Amino acid sequence: MDAKKKVRGRRLRHNRVRKKVVGTSDRPRLAVYRSNRHMYAQLIDDFTGRTLVSASTLKDAGSAADRIKAAQAVGEAIAGRAKDAGIELVTFDRGGFRYHGRVKAIADGAREGGLNF
């Protein structure tokens, strides 16, 4: 598959997801981005356009050699920061990526950390 088609397909899927998934100050959007090397997660309030909390494998995974465990550590880190900010309820935005592997690991880690979605 051509790289441009792959990126365009993900953007189309993400737009389709974003039609329904909206983050508010009461229930922010847990947006996930997966690159080849790292994972990023943010809690976003779409009405004000602010990122409330963020976490990534760059600073939160420690020395996890396994990418699934690193993603789960990111989920637990964002859940801990959300708890500190007084956030317990979120909506999950998979960002056009399939809900399996590292994306699912972030969701599972966030649930284990105490976030509800």
PDB file of N, CA and C in Angstrom:
ATOM      1  N   MET A   1       0.850  -1.183   0.000  1.00  0.00           N
ATOM      2  CA  MET A   1       0.000   0.000   0.000  1.00  0.00           C
ATOM      3  C   MET A   1       0.889   1.237   0.000  1.00  0.00           C
ATOM      4  N   ASP A   2       0.511   2.173  -0.782  1.00  0.00           N
ATOM      5  CA  ASP A   2       1.238   3.435  -0.868  1.00  0.00           C
ATOM      6  C   ASP A   2       1.113   4.200   0.453  1.00  0.00           C
ATOM      7  N   ALA A   3       2.173   4.855   0.893  1.00  0.00           N
ATOM      8  CA  ALA A   3       2.188   5.549   2.179  1.00  0.00           C
ATOM      9  C   ALA A   3       1.165   6.683   2.225  1.00  0.00           C
ATOM     10  N   LYS A   4       1.004   7.394   1.117  1.00  0.00           N
ATOM     11  CA  LYS A   4       0.041   8.499   1.102  1.00  0.00           C
ATOM     12  C   LYS A   4      -1.384   7.982   1.258  1.00  0.00           C
ATOM     13  N   LYS A   5      -1.686   6.838   0.651  1.00  0.00           N
ATOM     14  CA  LYS A   5      -3.017   6.258   0.791  1.00  0.00           C
ATOM     15  C   LYS A   5      -3.274   5.821   2.225  1.00  0.00           C
ATOM     16  N   LYS A   6      -2.229   5.308   2.858  1.00  0.00           N
ATOM     17  CA  LYS A   6      -2.362   4.853   4.241  1.00  0.00           C
ATOM     18  C   LYS A   6      -2.684   6.024   5.172  1.00  0.00           C
ATOM     19  N   VAL A   7      -1.959   7.121   5.006  1.00  0.00           N
ATOM     20  CA  VAL A   7      -2.186   8.314   5.832  1.00  0.00           C
ATOM     21  C   VAL A   7      -3.563   8.905   5.539  1.00  0.00           C
ATOM     22  N   ARG A   8      -3.929   8.954   4.269  1.00  0.00           N
ATOM     23  CA  ARG A   8      -5.237   9.507   3.901  1.00  0.00           C
ATOM     24  C   ARG A   8      -6.376   8.659   4.470  1.00  0.00           C
ATOM     25  N   GLY A   9      -6.211   7.347   4.434  1.00  0.00           N
ATOM     26  CA  GLY A   9      -7.225   6.459   4.998  1.00  0.00           C
ATOM     27  C   GLY A   9      -7.386   6.661   6.492  1.00  0.00           C
ATOM     28  N   ARG A  10      -6.277   6.849   7.203  1.00  0.00           N
ATOM     29  CA  ARG A  10      -6.361   7.081   8.640  1.00  0.00           C
ATOM     30  C   ARG A  10      -7.043   8.407   8.926  1.00  0.00           C
ATOM     31  N   ARG A  11      -6.739   9.424   8.125  1.00  0.00           N
ATOM     32  CA  ARG A  11      -7.402  10.727   8.317  1.00  0.00           C
ATOM     33  C   ARG A  11      -8.904  10.621   8.088  1.00  0.00           C
ATOM     34  N   LEU A  12      -9.312   9.874   7.077  1.00  0.00           N
ATOM     35  CA  LEU A  12     -10.738   9.689   6.817  1.00  0.00           C
ATOM     36  C   LEU A  12     -11.409   8.952   7.974  1.00  0.00           C
ATOM     37  N   ARG A  13     -10.768   7.905   8.470  1.00  0.00           N
ATOM     38  CA  ARG A  13     -11.323   7.170   9.614  1.00  0.00           C
ATOM     39  C   ARG A  13     -11.392   8.059  10.845  1.00  0.00           C
ATOM     40  N   HIS A  14     -10.360   8.880  11.055  1.00  0.00           N
ATOM     41  CA  HIS A  14     -10.348   9.766  12.213  1.00  0.00           C
ATOM     42  C   HIS A  14     -11.472  10.793  12.116  1.00  0.00           C
ATOM     43  N   ASN A  15     -11.687  11.354  10.938  1.00  0.00           N
ATOM     44  CA  ASN A  15     -12.785  12.309  10.756  1.00  0.00           C
ATOM     45  C   ASN A  15     -14.133  11.657  11.021  1.00  0.00           C
ATOM     46  N   ARG A  16     -14.267  10.407  10.613  1.00  0.00           N
ATOM     47  CA  ARG A  16     -15.517   9.683  10.835  1.00  0.00           C
ATOM     48  C   ARG A  16     -15.740   9.472  12.335  1.00  0.00           C
ATOM     49  N   VAL A  17     -14.693   9.180  13.071  1.00  0.00           N
ATOM     50  CA  VAL A  17     -14.805   9.004  14.515  1.00  0.00           C
ATOM     51  C   VAL A  17     -15.111  10.342  15.185  1.00  0.00           C
ATOM     52  N   ARG A  18     -14.451  11.408  14.732  1.00  0.00           N
ATOM     53  CA  ARG A  18     -14.589  12.716  15.371  1.00  0.00           C
ATOM     54  C   ARG A  18     -15.953  13.361  15.147  1.00  0.00           C
ATOM     55  N   LYS A  19     -16.739  12.850  14.214  1.00  0.00           N
ATOM     56  CA  LYS A  19     -18.098  13.377  14.054  1.00  0.00           C
ATOM     57  C   LYS A  19     -18.922  13.142  15.311  1.00  0.00           C
ATOM     58  N   LYS A  20     -18.649  12.048  16.000  1.00  0.00           N
ATOM     59  CA  LYS A  20     -19.447  11.693  17.168  1.00  0.00           C
ATOM     60  C   LYS A  20     -18.735  11.935  18.486  1.00  0.00           C
ATOM     61  N   VAL A  21     -17.423  11.884  18.493  1.00  0.00           N
ATOM     62  CA  VAL A  21     -16.666  11.988  19.735  1.00  0.00           C
ATOM     63  C   VAL A  21     -16.269  13.441  19.962  1.00  0.00           C
ATOM     64  N   VAL A  22     -16.804  14.037  21.035  1.00  0.00           N
ATOM     65  CA  VAL A  22     -16.522  15.429  21.368  1.00  0.00           C
ATOM     66  C   VAL A  22     -16.157  15.493  22.843  1.00  0.00           C
ATOM     67  N   GLY A  23     -15.102  16.223  23.149  1.00  0.00           N
ATOM     68  CA  GLY A  23     -14.674  16.379  24.532  1.00  0.00           C
ATOM     69  C   GLY A  23     -15.201  17.663  25.131  1.00  0.00           C
ATOM     70  N   THR A  24     -15.718  17.575  26.345  1.00  0.00           N
ATOM     71  CA  THR A  24     -16.187  18.743  27.077  1.00  0.00           C
ATOM     72  C   THR A  24     -15.332  18.904  28.327  1.00  0.00           C
ATOM     73  N   SER A  25     -15.570  19.964  29.079  1.00  0.00           N
ATOM     74  CA  SER A  25     -14.803  20.146  30.312  1.00  0.00           C
ATOM     75  C   SER A  25     -15.189  19.097  31.349  1.00  0.00           C
ATOM     76  N   ASP A  26     -16.458  18.632  31.319  1.00  0.00           N
ATOM     77  CA  ASP A  26     -16.894  17.588  32.246  1.00  0.00           C
ATOM     78  C   ASP A  26     -16.407  16.214  31.815  1.00  0.00           C
ATOM     79  N   ARG A  27     -16.377  15.976  30.507  1.00  0.00           N
ATOM     80  CA  ARG A  27     -15.975  14.675  29.957  1.00  0.00           C
ATOM     81  C   ARG A  27     -15.031  14.919  28.783  1.00  0.00           C
ATOM     82  N   PRO A  28     -13.741  15.114  29.047  1.00  0.00           N
ATOM     83  CA  PRO A  28     -12.801  15.407  27.961  1.00  0.00           C
ATOM     84  C   PRO A  28     -12.552  14.194  27.074  1.00  0.00           C
ATOM     85  N   ARG A  29     -11.980  14.468  25.926  1.00  0.00           N
ATOM     86  CA  ARG A  29     -11.686  13.430  24.931  1.00  0.00           C
ATOM     87  C   ARG A  29     -10.281  12.901  25.174  1.00  0.00           C
ATOM     88  N   LEU A  30     -10.165  11.583  25.320  1.00  0.00           N
ATOM     89  CA  LEU A  30      -8.863  10.928  25.454  1.00  0.00           C
ATOM     90  C   LEU A  30      -8.393  10.577  24.050  1.00  0.00           C
ATOM     91  N   ALA A  31      -7.554  11.436  23.478  1.00  0.00           N
ATOM     92  CA  ALA A  31      -7.068  11.265  22.116  1.00  0.00           C
ATOM     93  C   ALA A  31      -5.756  10.497  22.137  1.00  0.00           C
ATOM     94  N   VAL A  32      -5.668   9.479  21.274  1.00  0.00           N
ATOM     95  CA  VAL A  32      -4.489   8.628  21.206  1.00  0.00           C
ATOM     96  C   VAL A  32      -3.849   8.781  19.838  1.00  0.00           C
ATOM     97  N   TYR A  33      -2.510   8.915  19.819  1.00  0.00           N
ATOM     98  CA  TYR A  33      -1.763   8.925  18.561  1.00  0.00           C
ATOM     99  C   TYR A  33      -0.662   7.882  18.654  1.00  0.00           C
ATOM    100  N   ARG A  34      -0.525   7.109  17.609  1.00  0.00           N
ATOM    101  CA  ARG A  34       0.451   6.029  17.573  1.00  0.00           C
ATOM    102  C   ARG A  34       1.396   6.268  16.406  1.00  0.00           C
ATOM    103  N   SER A  35       2.657   6.511  16.716  1.00  0.00           N
ATOM    104  CA  SER A  35       3.659   6.596  15.657  1.00  0.00           C
ATOM    105  C   SER A  35       4.385   5.256  15.615  1.00  0.00           C
ATOM    106  N   ASN A  36       5.346   5.131  14.735  1.00  0.00           N
ATOM    107  CA  ASN A  36       6.076   3.871  14.655  1.00  0.00           C
ATOM    108  C   ASN A  36       6.863   3.596  15.921  1.00  0.00           C
ATOM    109  N   ARG A  37       7.333   4.635  16.570  1.00  0.00           N
ATOM    110  CA  ARG A  37       8.212   4.459  17.719  1.00  0.00           C
ATOM    111  C   ARG A  37       7.560   4.787  19.056  1.00  0.00           C
ATOM    112  N   HIS A  38       6.642   5.739  19.094  1.00  0.00           N
ATOM    113  CA  HIS A  38       6.101   6.215  20.362  1.00  0.00           C
ATOM    114  C   HIS A  38       4.575   6.243  20.359  1.00  0.00           C
ATOM    115  N   MET A  39       4.008   6.406  21.569  1.00  0.00           N
ATOM    116  CA  MET A  39       2.568   6.555  21.773  1.00  0.00           C
ATOM    117  C   MET A  39       2.335   7.850  22.537  1.00  0.00           C
ATOM    118  N   TYR A  40       1.281   8.540  22.179  1.00  0.00           N
ATOM    119  CA  TYR A  40       0.936   9.804  22.820  1.00  0.00           C
ATOM    120  C   TYR A  40      -0.535   9.764  23.201  1.00  0.00           C
ATOM    121  N   ALA A  41      -0.877  10.335  24.348  1.00  0.00           N
ATOM    122  CA  ALA A  41      -2.266  10.413  24.789  1.00  0.00           C
ATOM    123  C   ALA A  41      -2.495  11.791  25.402  1.00  0.00           C
ATOM    124  N   GLN A  42      -3.655  12.363  25.101  1.00  0.00           N
ATOM    125  CA  GLN A  42      -4.010  13.680  25.624  1.00  0.00           C
ATOM    126  C   GLN A  42      -5.465  13.678  26.053  1.00  0.00           C
ATOM    127  N   LEU A  43      -5.769  14.442  27.088  1.00  0.00           N
ATOM    128  CA  LEU A  43      -7.154  14.739  27.447  1.00  0.00           C
ATOM    129  C   LEU A  43      -7.445  16.145  26.963  1.00  0.00           C
ATOM    130  N   ILE A  44      -8.430  16.271  26.072  1.00  0.00           N
ATOM    131  CA  ILE A  44      -8.686  17.531  25.375  1.00  0.00           C
ATOM    132  C   ILE A  44     -10.113  18.001  25.633  1.00  0.00           C
ATOM    133  N   ASP A  45     -10.248  19.283  25.948  1.00  0.00           N
ATOM    134  CA  ASP A  45     -11.546  19.950  26.022  1.00  0.00           C
ATOM    135  C   ASP A  45     -11.747  20.656  24.686  1.00  0.00           C
ATOM    136  N   ASP A  46     -12.634  20.137  23.856  1.00  0.00           N
ATOM    137  CA  ASP A  46     -12.801  20.657  22.500  1.00  0.00           C
ATOM    138  C   ASP A  46     -13.493  22.021  22.465  1.00  0.00           C
ATOM    139  N   PHE A  47     -14.272  22.352  23.476  1.00  0.00           N
ATOM    140  CA  PHE A  47     -14.978  23.637  23.457  1.00  0.00           C
ATOM    141  C   PHE A  47     -14.033  24.807  23.692  1.00  0.00           C
ATOM    142  N   THR A  48     -13.047  24.612  24.560  1.00  0.00           N
ATOM    143  CA  THR A  48     -12.073  25.672  24.788  1.00  0.00           C
ATOM    144  C   THR A  48     -10.809  25.477  23.963  1.00  0.00           C
ATOM    145  N   GLY A  49     -10.641  24.282  23.376  1.00  0.00           N
ATOM    146  CA  GLY A  49      -9.463  24.001  22.568  1.00  0.00           C
ATOM    147  C   GLY A  49      -8.204  23.822  23.398  1.00  0.00           C
ATOM    148  N   ARG A  50      -8.354  23.331  24.628  1.00  0.00           N
ATOM    149  CA  ARG A  50      -7.215  23.180  25.532  1.00  0.00           C
ATOM    150  C   ARG A  50      -6.894  21.713  25.766  1.00  0.00           C
ATOM    151  N   THR A  51      -5.606  21.417  25.855  1.00  0.00           N
ATOM    152  CA  THR A  51      -5.157  20.109  26.306  1.00  0.00           C
ATOM    153  C   THR A  51      -5.041  20.179  27.825  1.00  0.00           C
ATOM    154  N   LEU A  52      -5.795  19.335  28.507  1.00  0.00           N
ATOM    155  CA  LEU A  52      -5.834  19.366  29.961  1.00  0.00           C
ATOM    156  C   LEU A  52      -4.696  18.550  30.568  1.00  0.00           C
ATOM    157  N   VAL A  53      -4.454  17.369  30.019  1.00  0.00           N
ATOM    158  CA  VAL A  53      -3.448  16.450  30.540  1.00  0.00           C
ATOM    159  C   VAL A  53      -2.831  15.718  29.362  1.00  0.00           C
ATOM    160  N   SER A  54      -1.533  15.417  29.445  1.00  0.00           N
ATOM    161  CA  SER A  54      -0.906  14.638  28.379  1.00  0.00           C
ATOM    162  C   SER A  54       0.085  13.655  28.971  1.00  0.00           C
ATOM    163  N   ALA A  55       0.362  12.598  28.186  1.00  0.00           N
ATOM    164  CA  ALA A  55       1.358  11.594  28.555  1.00  0.00           C
ATOM    165  C   ALA A  55       1.881  10.966  27.275  1.00  0.00           C
ATOM    166  N   SER A  56       3.103  10.457  27.323  1.00  0.00           N
ATOM    167  CA  SER A  56       3.677   9.809  26.141  1.00  0.00           C
ATOM    168  C   SER A  56       4.745   8.819  26.571  1.00  0.00           C
ATOM    169  N   THR A  57       5.142   7.970  25.651  1.00  0.00           N
ATOM    170  CA  THR A  57       6.201   7.015  25.941  1.00  0.00           C
ATOM    171  C   THR A  57       7.546   7.708  26.040  1.00  0.00           C
ATOM    172  N   LEU A  58       7.648   8.935  25.542  1.00  0.00           N
ATOM    173  CA  LEU A  58       8.909   9.667  25.637  1.00  0.00           C
ATOM    174  C   LEU A  58       9.313   9.925  27.083  1.00  0.00           C
ATOM    175  N   LYS A  59       8.316  10.215  27.942  1.00  0.00           N
ATOM    176  CA  LYS A  59       8.652  10.569  29.323  1.00  0.00           C
ATOM    177  C   LYS A  59       8.022   9.653  30.366  1.00  0.00           C
ATOM    178  N   ASP A  60       7.047   8.837  29.988  1.00  0.00           N
ATOM    179  CA  ASP A  60       6.300   8.080  30.993  1.00  0.00           C
ATOM    180  C   ASP A  60       6.487   6.574  30.941  1.00  0.00           C
ATOM    181  N   ALA A  61       7.144   6.053  29.932  1.00  0.00           N
ATOM    182  CA  ALA A  61       7.248   4.601  29.811  1.00  0.00           C
ATOM    183  C   ALA A  61       8.427   4.034  30.574  1.00  0.00           C
ATOM    184  N   GLY A  62       9.332   4.875  31.021  1.00  0.00           N
ATOM    185  CA  GLY A  62      10.504   4.384  31.719  1.00  0.00           C
ATOM    186  C   GLY A  62      11.401   3.620  30.763  1.00  0.00           C
ATOM    187  N   SER A  63      11.835   2.467  31.173  1.00  0.00           N
ATOM    188  CA  SER A  63      12.714   1.656  30.327  1.00  0.00           C
ATOM    189  C   SER A  63      12.000   0.411  29.822  1.00  0.00           C
ATOM    190  N   ALA A  64      10.718   0.524  29.544  1.00  0.00           N
ATOM    191  CA  ALA A  64       9.953  -0.628  29.071  1.00  0.00           C
ATOM    192  C   ALA A  64      10.387  -0.985  27.649  1.00  0.00           C
ATOM    193  N   ALA A  65      10.938  -2.173  27.503  1.00  0.00           N
ATOM    194  CA  ALA A  65      11.385  -2.622  26.184  1.00  0.00           C
ATOM    195  C   ALA A  65      10.205  -3.095  25.347  1.00  0.00           C
ATOM    196  N   ASP A  66       9.179  -3.610  25.999  1.00  0.00           N
ATOM    197  CA  ASP A  66       7.990  -4.098  25.307  1.00  0.00           C
ATOM    198  C   ASP A  66       7.079  -2.918  25.005  1.00  0.00           C
ATOM    199  N   ARG A  67       6.704  -2.748  23.739  1.00  0.00           N
ATOM    200  CA  ARG A  67       5.906  -1.579  23.351  1.00  0.00           C
ATOM    201  C   ARG A  67       4.496  -1.629  23.929  1.00  0.00           C
ATOM    202  N   ILE A  68       3.949  -2.834  24.114  1.00  0.00           N
ATOM    203  CA  ILE A  68       2.616  -2.958  24.711  1.00  0.00           C
ATOM    204  C   ILE A  68       2.657  -2.503  26.171  1.00  0.00           C
ATOM    205  N   LYS A  69       3.685  -2.925  26.909  1.00  0.00           N
ATOM    206  CA  LYS A  69       3.809  -2.512  28.308  1.00  0.00           C
ATOM    207  C   LYS A  69       4.075  -1.018  28.412  1.00  0.00           C
ATOM    208  N   ALA A  70       4.814  -0.477  27.470  1.00  0.00           N
ATOM    209  CA  ALA A  70       5.071   0.965  27.458  1.00  0.00           C
ATOM    210  C   ALA A  70       3.775   1.729  27.233  1.00  0.00           C
ATOM    211  N   ALA A  71       2.940   1.243  26.318  1.00  0.00           N
ATOM    212  CA  ALA A  71       1.658   1.896  26.058  1.00  0.00           C
ATOM    213  C   ALA A  71       0.748   1.808  27.274  1.00  0.00           C
ATOM    214  N   GLN A  72       0.778   0.678  27.964  1.00  0.00           N
ATOM    215  CA  GLN A  72      -0.039   0.535  29.163  1.00  0.00           C
ATOM    216  C   GLN A  72       0.443   1.501  30.256  1.00  0.00           C
ATOM    217  N   ALA A  73       1.747   1.711  30.333  1.00  0.00           N
ATOM    218  CA  ALA A  73       2.294   2.669  31.295  1.00  0.00           C
ATOM    219  C   ALA A  73       1.831   4.087  30.972  1.00  0.00           C
ATOM    220  N   VAL A  74       1.714   4.408  29.686  1.00  0.00           N
ATOM    221  CA  VAL A  74       1.202   5.721  29.278  1.00  0.00           C
ATOM    222  C   VAL A  74      -0.252   5.875  29.716  1.00  0.00           C
ATOM    223  N   GLY A  75      -1.053   4.816  29.546  1.00  0.00           N
ATOM    224  CA  GLY A  75      -2.445   4.858  29.990  1.00  0.00           C
ATOM    225  C   GLY A  75      -2.569   5.072  31.486  1.00  0.00           C
ATOM    226  N   GLU A  76      -1.725   4.386  32.263  1.00  0.00           N
ATOM    227  CA  GLU A  76      -1.755   4.552  33.710  1.00  0.00           C
ATOM    228  C   GLU A  76      -1.278   5.947  34.113  1.00  0.00           C
ATOM    229  N   ALA A  77      -0.288   6.476  33.391  1.00  0.00           N
ATOM    230  CA  ALA A  77       0.224   7.817  33.694  1.00  0.00           C
ATOM    231  C   ALA A  77      -0.827   8.887  33.426  1.00  0.00           C
ATOM    232  N   ILE A  78      -1.536   8.762  32.303  1.00  0.00           N
ATOM    233  CA  ILE A  78      -2.544   9.785  31.993  1.00  0.00           C
ATOM    234  C   ILE A  78      -3.715   9.677  32.965  1.00  0.00           C
ATOM    235  N   ALA A  79      -4.026   8.453  33.418  1.00  0.00           N
ATOM    236  CA  ALA A  79      -5.100   8.292  34.399  1.00  0.00           C
ATOM    237  C   ALA A  79      -4.708   8.939  35.727  1.00  0.00           C
ATOM    238  N   GLY A  80      -3.461   8.784  36.126  1.00  0.00           N
ATOM    239  CA  GLY A  80      -3.010   9.402  37.371  1.00  0.00           C
ATOM    240  C   GLY A  80      -3.048  10.917  37.309  1.00  0.00           C
ATOM    241  N   ARG A  81      -2.627  11.474  36.178  1.00  0.00           N
ATOM    242  CA  ARG A  81      -2.654  12.934  36.026  1.00  0.00           C
ATOM    243  C   ARG A  81      -4.086  13.450  35.939  1.00  0.00           C
ATOM    244  N   ALA A  82      -4.962  12.654  35.321  1.00  0.00           N
ATOM    245  CA  ALA A  82      -6.364  13.055  35.237  1.00  0.00           C
ATOM    246  C   ALA A  82      -6.996  13.061  36.625  1.00  0.00           C
ATOM    247  N   LYS A  83      -6.664  12.074  37.439  1.00  0.00           N
ATOM    248  CA  LYS A  83      -7.176  12.033  38.813  1.00  0.00           C
ATOM    249  C   LYS A  83      -6.726  13.271  39.596  1.00  0.00           C
ATOM    250  N   ASP A  84      -5.456  13.655  39.391  1.00  0.00           N
ATOM    251  CA  ASP A  84      -4.945  14.850  40.065  1.00  0.00           C
ATOM    252  C   ASP A  84      -5.679  16.108  39.610  1.00  0.00           C
ATOM    253  N   ALA A  85      -6.138  16.112  38.353  1.00  0.00           N
ATOM    254  CA  ALA A  85      -6.871  17.259  37.815  1.00  0.00           C
ATOM    255  C   ALA A  85      -8.364  17.172  38.110  1.00  0.00           C
ATOM    256  N   GLY A  86      -8.798  16.099  38.764  1.00  0.00           N
ATOM    257  CA  GLY A  86     -10.212  15.944  39.116  1.00  0.00           C
ATOM    258  C   GLY A  86     -11.070  15.398  37.997  1.00  0.00           C
ATOM    259  N   ILE A  87     -10.475  14.648  37.071  1.00  0.00           N
ATOM    260  CA  ILE A  87     -11.208  14.090  35.937  1.00  0.00           C
ATOM    261  C   ILE A  87     -11.304  12.584  36.114  1.00  0.00           C
ATOM    262  N   GLU A  88     -12.533  12.057  36.020  1.00  0.00           N
ATOM    263  CA  GLU A  88     -12.720  10.612  36.117  1.00  0.00           C
ATOM    264  C   GLU A  88     -13.434  10.034  34.909  1.00  0.00           C
ATOM    265  N   LEU A  89     -14.203  10.844  34.196  1.00  0.00           N
ATOM    266  CA  LEU A  89     -15.008  10.371  33.081  1.00  0.00           C
ATOM    267  C   LEU A  89     -14.489  10.977  31.781  1.00  0.00           C
ATOM    268  N   VAL A  90     -14.182  10.146  30.781  1.00  0.00           N
ATOM    269  CA  VAL A  90     -13.654  10.613  29.499  1.00  0.00           C
ATOM    270  C   VAL A  90     -14.344   9.876  28.358  1.00  0.00           C
ATOM    271  N   THR A  91     -14.175  10.410  27.147  1.00  0.00           N
ATOM    272  CA  THR A  91     -14.572   9.690  25.948  1.00  0.00           C
ATOM    273  C   THR A  91     -13.299   9.295  25.218  1.00  0.00           C
ATOM    274  N   PHE A  92     -13.290   8.114  24.620  1.00  0.00           N
ATOM    275  CA  PHE A  92     -12.077   7.582  23.997  1.00  0.00           C
ATOM    276  C   PHE A  92     -12.086   7.879  22.506  1.00  0.00           C
ATOM    277  N   ASP A  93     -11.006   8.476  22.028  1.00  0.00           N
ATOM    278  CA  ASP A  93     -10.823   8.781  20.606  1.00  0.00           C
ATOM    279  C   ASP A  93      -9.617   7.985  20.120  1.00  0.00           C
ATOM    280  N   ARG A  94      -9.864   6.952  19.341  1.00  0.00           N
ATOM    281  CA  ARG A  94      -8.789   6.070  18.893  1.00  0.00           C
ATOM    282  C   ARG A  94      -7.997   6.671  17.750  1.00  0.00           C
ATOM    283  N   GLY A  95      -8.397   7.809  17.247  1.00  0.00           N
ATOM    284  CA  GLY A  95      -7.620   8.543  16.263  1.00  0.00           C
ATOM    285  C   GLY A  95      -7.532   7.902  14.900  1.00  0.00           C
ATOM    286  N   GLY A  96      -8.495   7.084  14.536  1.00  0.00           N
ATOM    287  CA  GLY A  96      -8.457   6.434  13.230  1.00  0.00           C
ATOM    288  C   GLY A  96      -7.634   5.158  13.217  1.00  0.00           C
ATOM    289  N   PHE A  97      -7.057   4.792  14.363  1.00  0.00           N
ATOM    290  CA  PHE A  97      -6.285   3.561  14.467  1.00  0.00           C
ATOM    291  C   PHE A  97      -7.204   2.429  14.913  1.00  0.00           C
ATOM    292  N   ARG A  98      -6.853   1.194  14.566  1.00  0.00           N
ATOM    293  CA  ARG A  98      -7.629   0.055  15.029  1.00  0.00           C
ATOM    294  C   ARG A  98      -7.521  -0.070  16.541  1.00  0.00           C
ATOM    295  N   TYR A  99      -8.607  -0.520  17.147  1.00  0.00           N
ATOM    296  CA  TYR A  99      -8.635  -0.689  18.602  1.00  0.00           C
ATOM    297  C   TYR A  99      -8.072  -2.073  18.931  1.00  0.00           C
ATOM    298  N   HIS A 100      -6.759  -2.196  18.846  1.00  0.00           N
ATOM    299  CA  HIS A 100      -6.058  -3.418  19.254  1.00  0.00           C
ATOM    300  C   HIS A 100      -4.601  -3.074  19.461  1.00  0.00           C
ATOM    301  N   GLY A 101      -3.868  -3.959  20.065  1.00  0.00           N
ATOM    302  CA  GLY A 101      -2.446  -3.736  20.260  1.00  0.00           C
ATOM    303  C   GLY A 101      -2.164  -2.590  21.202  1.00  0.00           C
ATOM    304  N   ARG A 102      -1.341  -1.640  20.747  1.00  0.00           N
ATOM    305  CA  ARG A 102      -0.905  -0.535  21.607  1.00  0.00           C
ATOM    306  C   ARG A 102      -2.027   0.435  21.934  1.00  0.00           C
ATOM    307  N   VAL A 103      -2.963   0.639  21.020  1.00  0.00           N
ATOM    308  CA  VAL A 103      -4.096   1.541  21.293  1.00  0.00           C
ATOM    309  C   VAL A 103      -4.965   0.947  22.394  1.00  0.00           C
ATOM    310  N   LYS A 104      -5.227  -0.341  22.314  1.00  0.00           N
ATOM    311  CA  LYS A 104      -6.017  -1.029  23.343  1.00  0.00           C
ATOM    312  C   LYS A 104      -5.266  -1.033  24.667  1.00  0.00           C
ATOM    313  N   ALA A 105      -3.937  -1.151  24.627  1.00  0.00           N
ATOM    314  CA  ALA A 105      -3.142  -1.156  25.859  1.00  0.00           C
ATOM    315  C   ALA A 105      -3.244   0.178  26.590  1.00  0.00           C
ATOM    316  N   ILE A 106      -3.274   1.285  25.854  1.00  0.00           N
ATOM    317  CA  ILE A 106      -3.458   2.589  26.496  1.00  0.00           C
ATOM    318  C   ILE A 106      -4.825   2.650  27.170  1.00  0.00           C
ATOM    319  N   ALA A 107      -5.852   2.167  26.479  1.00  0.00           N
ATOM    320  CA  ALA A 107      -7.202   2.177  27.044  1.00  0.00           C
ATOM    321  C   ALA A 107      -7.271   1.303  28.301  1.00  0.00           C
ATOM    322  N   ASP A 108      -6.659   0.121  28.246  1.00  0.00           N
ATOM    323  CA  ASP A 108      -6.671  -0.773  29.407  1.00  0.00           C
ATOM    324  C   ASP A 108      -5.904  -0.159  30.588  1.00  0.00           C
ATOM    325  N   GLY A 109      -4.770   0.478  30.293  1.00  0.00           N
ATOM    326  CA  GLY A 109      -3.995   1.128  31.346  1.00  0.00           C
ATOM    327  C   GLY A 109      -4.757   2.280  31.980  1.00  0.00           C
ATOM    328  N   ALA A 110      -5.480   3.040  31.151  1.00  0.00           N
ATOM    329  CA  ALA A 110      -6.272   4.156  31.668  1.00  0.00           C
ATOM    330  C   ALA A 110      -7.415   3.641  32.536  1.00  0.00           C
ATOM    331  N   ARG A 111      -8.018   2.533  32.136  1.00  0.00           N
ATOM    332  CA  ARG A 111      -9.085   1.953  32.954  1.00  0.00           C
ATOM    333  C   ARG A 111      -8.535   1.441  34.285  1.00  0.00           C
ATOM    334  N   GLU A 112      -7.368   0.791  34.236  1.00  0.00           N
ATOM    335  CA  GLU A 112      -6.762   0.307  35.471  1.00  0.00           C
ATOM    336  C   GLU A 112      -6.374   1.463  36.384  1.00  0.00           C
ATOM    337  N   GLY A 113      -6.030   2.592  35.789  1.00  0.00           N
ATOM    338  CA  GLY A 113      -5.683   3.777  36.570  1.00  0.00           C
ATOM    339  C   GLY A 113      -6.881   4.489  37.161  1.00  0.00           C
ATOM    340  N   GLY A 114      -8.093   4.124  36.750  1.00  0.00           N
ATOM    341  CA  GLY A 114      -9.293   4.699  37.354  1.00  0.00           C
ATOM    342  C   GLY A 114     -10.147   5.556  36.452  1.00  0.00           C
ATOM    343  N   LEU A 115      -9.797   5.691  35.178  1.00  0.00           N
ATOM    344  CA  LEU A 115     -10.645   6.459  34.265  1.00  0.00           C
ATOM    345  C   LEU A 115     -11.827   5.614  33.794  1.00  0.00           C
ATOM    346  N   ASN A 116     -12.975   6.245  33.621  1.00  0.00           N
ATOM    347  CA  ASN A 116     -14.180   5.562  33.126  1.00  0.00           C
ATOM    348  C   ASN A 116     -14.526   6.076  31.748  1.00  0.00           C
ATOM    349  N   PHE A 117     -14.739   5.149  30.814  1.00  0.00           N
ATOM    350  CA  PHE A 117     -15.235   5.490  29.471  1.00  0.00           C
ATOM    351  C   PHE A 117     -15.855   4.298  28.823  1.00  0.00           C
TER     352      PHE A 117
END
